[in-house]
N, C-alpha and C. Protein backbone atom coordinates (compact mmCIF):
# COMPACT_ATOMS: atom_id res chain seq x y z
N MET A 1 -179.58 -160.64 -9.54
CA MET A 1 -179.56 -160.23 -8.33
C MET A 1 -179.51 -158.52 -7.78
N LEU A 2 -178.73 -157.49 -8.31
CA LEU A 2 -178.79 -156.31 -8.61
C LEU A 2 -180.07 -155.65 -8.62
N ASP A 3 -181.24 -155.95 -9.14
CA ASP A 3 -182.50 -155.60 -9.31
C ASP A 3 -183.04 -156.02 -8.04
N GLU A 4 -182.99 -157.36 -8.04
CA GLU A 4 -183.83 -157.75 -6.38
C GLU A 4 -182.97 -156.66 -5.21
N VAL A 5 -182.18 -156.76 -5.06
CA VAL A 5 -181.65 -155.81 -3.69
C VAL A 5 -182.04 -154.41 -3.74
N TYR A 6 -181.88 -153.59 -5.29
CA TYR A 6 -182.14 -152.37 -5.42
C TYR A 6 -183.82 -152.28 -5.36
N ASN A 7 -184.78 -153.19 -5.58
CA ASN A 7 -186.32 -152.81 -5.18
C ASN A 7 -186.79 -153.13 -4.09
N ASP A 8 -185.85 -153.80 -3.70
CA ASP A 8 -186.28 -154.28 -1.81
C ASP A 8 -185.88 -152.62 -0.94
N ALA A 9 -184.49 -152.27 -1.80
CA ALA A 9 -184.37 -150.70 -0.76
C ALA A 9 -185.18 -149.75 -1.27
N GLU A 10 -185.46 -149.54 -2.46
CA GLU A 10 -186.40 -148.77 -2.81
C GLU A 10 -187.29 -148.63 -2.24
N ARG A 11 -188.18 -150.08 -1.68
CA ARG A 11 -189.64 -149.91 -1.26
C ARG A 11 -189.24 -149.56 0.40
N GLN A 12 -188.18 -150.31 1.01
CA GLN A 12 -187.69 -149.55 2.04
C GLN A 12 -187.95 -147.57 2.36
N ALA A 13 -187.14 -147.51 1.71
CA ALA A 13 -186.42 -145.96 1.49
C ALA A 13 -188.17 -145.09 1.13
N LYS A 14 -188.95 -145.74 0.29
CA LYS A 14 -190.35 -144.86 0.20
C LYS A 14 -191.12 -145.53 1.49
N LYS A 15 -190.96 -146.56 2.16
CA LYS A 15 -191.75 -146.34 3.38
C LYS A 15 -191.12 -145.58 4.58
N LYS A 16 -189.92 -145.52 4.82
CA LYS A 16 -189.45 -145.03 5.61
C LYS A 16 -189.21 -143.22 5.61
N SER A 17 -189.22 -142.69 4.28
CA SER A 17 -189.36 -141.38 4.03
C SER A 17 -190.43 -140.61 3.66
N GLY A 18 -191.07 -141.87 3.19
CA GLY A 18 -192.85 -141.31 2.77
C GLY A 18 -192.75 -140.52 1.57
N LEU A 19 -191.29 -140.63 0.77
CA LEU A 19 -191.27 -139.96 -0.47
C LEU A 19 -191.37 -141.04 -1.52
N ASN A 20 -191.54 -140.48 -2.55
CA ASN A 20 -191.85 -141.09 -4.08
C ASN A 20 -190.62 -141.22 -5.27
N CYS A 21 -189.86 -140.75 -4.59
CA CYS A 21 -189.05 -140.15 -5.55
C CYS A 21 -188.23 -140.62 -6.48
N PHE A 22 -187.91 -141.87 -5.88
CA PHE A 22 -186.70 -142.90 -6.25
C PHE A 22 -187.07 -143.30 -7.39
N PRO A 23 -186.19 -143.44 -8.33
CA PRO A 23 -186.07 -144.30 -9.50
C PRO A 23 -186.88 -146.06 -9.47
N GLN A 24 -187.17 -146.12 -10.38
CA GLN A 24 -187.98 -147.84 -10.50
C GLN A 24 -186.64 -148.74 -10.68
N THR A 25 -185.47 -148.43 -11.51
CA THR A 25 -184.63 -149.43 -11.33
C THR A 25 -183.39 -148.76 -10.86
N CYS A 26 -182.27 -149.66 -10.57
CA CYS A 26 -181.06 -148.71 -10.38
C CYS A 26 -180.36 -148.18 -11.35
N PRO A 27 -180.17 -146.73 -11.07
CA PRO A 27 -179.68 -146.03 -12.01
C PRO A 27 -178.25 -146.09 -12.63
N TYR A 28 -177.58 -147.25 -11.66
CA TYR A 28 -175.94 -147.92 -11.88
C TYR A 28 -175.58 -149.04 -12.23
N THR A 29 -174.84 -149.41 -13.07
CA THR A 29 -174.54 -150.50 -13.37
C THR A 29 -173.52 -151.37 -12.03
N ILE A 30 -173.75 -152.88 -11.93
CA ILE A 30 -172.64 -153.13 -11.19
C ILE A 30 -171.52 -153.06 -11.26
N GLU A 31 -170.99 -152.69 -12.30
CA GLU A 31 -169.62 -152.00 -12.60
C GLU A 31 -169.23 -150.56 -11.95
N LYS A 32 -169.85 -150.31 -12.04
CA LYS A 32 -169.84 -148.31 -11.83
C LYS A 32 -170.07 -148.57 -9.96
N ILE A 33 -170.98 -149.00 -9.43
CA ILE A 33 -170.83 -149.55 -7.76
C ILE A 33 -169.59 -150.20 -7.62
N LEU A 34 -168.94 -150.91 -7.67
CA LEU A 34 -167.82 -151.45 -7.21
C LEU A 34 -166.68 -150.76 -7.66
N ASP A 35 -166.60 -149.67 -8.82
CA ASP A 35 -165.72 -148.59 -9.07
C ASP A 35 -165.35 -147.74 -8.13
N VAL A 36 -164.12 -148.22 -6.95
CA VAL A 36 -163.97 -147.22 -6.47
C VAL A 36 -163.64 -145.92 -6.68
N GLU A 37 -163.49 -145.75 -8.22
CA GLU A 37 -163.17 -144.25 -8.22
C GLU A 37 -164.24 -143.73 -8.94
N TYR A 38 -165.38 -144.13 -9.55
CA TYR A 38 -166.44 -144.02 -9.71
C TYR A 38 -167.21 -142.68 -8.84
N LEU A 39 -167.88 -141.53 -8.72
CA LEU A 39 -168.36 -140.88 -8.58
C LEU A 39 -170.07 -140.43 -9.21
N PRO A 40 -171.39 -140.73 -8.69
CA PRO A 40 -172.14 -140.42 -9.73
C PRO A 40 -172.38 -138.82 -9.82
N PRO A 41 -172.93 -138.21 -10.78
CA PRO A 41 -173.03 -137.01 -10.72
C PRO A 41 -174.17 -136.20 -9.71
N PHE A 42 -174.02 -135.47 -9.47
CA PHE A 42 -174.51 -134.70 -8.65
C PHE A 42 -175.73 -133.74 -9.40
N THR A 43 -177.04 -134.22 -8.97
CA THR A 43 -177.95 -133.07 -9.26
C THR A 43 -179.03 -132.92 -8.49
N TYR A 44 -179.48 -131.32 -8.48
CA TYR A 44 -180.31 -131.13 -7.46
C TYR A 44 -181.64 -131.92 -7.61
N LEU A 45 -182.37 -132.11 -6.55
CA LEU A 45 -184.04 -132.20 -6.59
C LEU A 45 -185.11 -130.94 -6.92
């Protein structure tokens, strides 16, 4: 389920932004996404 939702969101983000810098697969697990204490590492583009 996460893969399907992420792929749809990635496609929409590429279309709207014109950018092609999004990961092809979700870099987070469902557990991390649902963990209210988790903050992903900040990276500069």
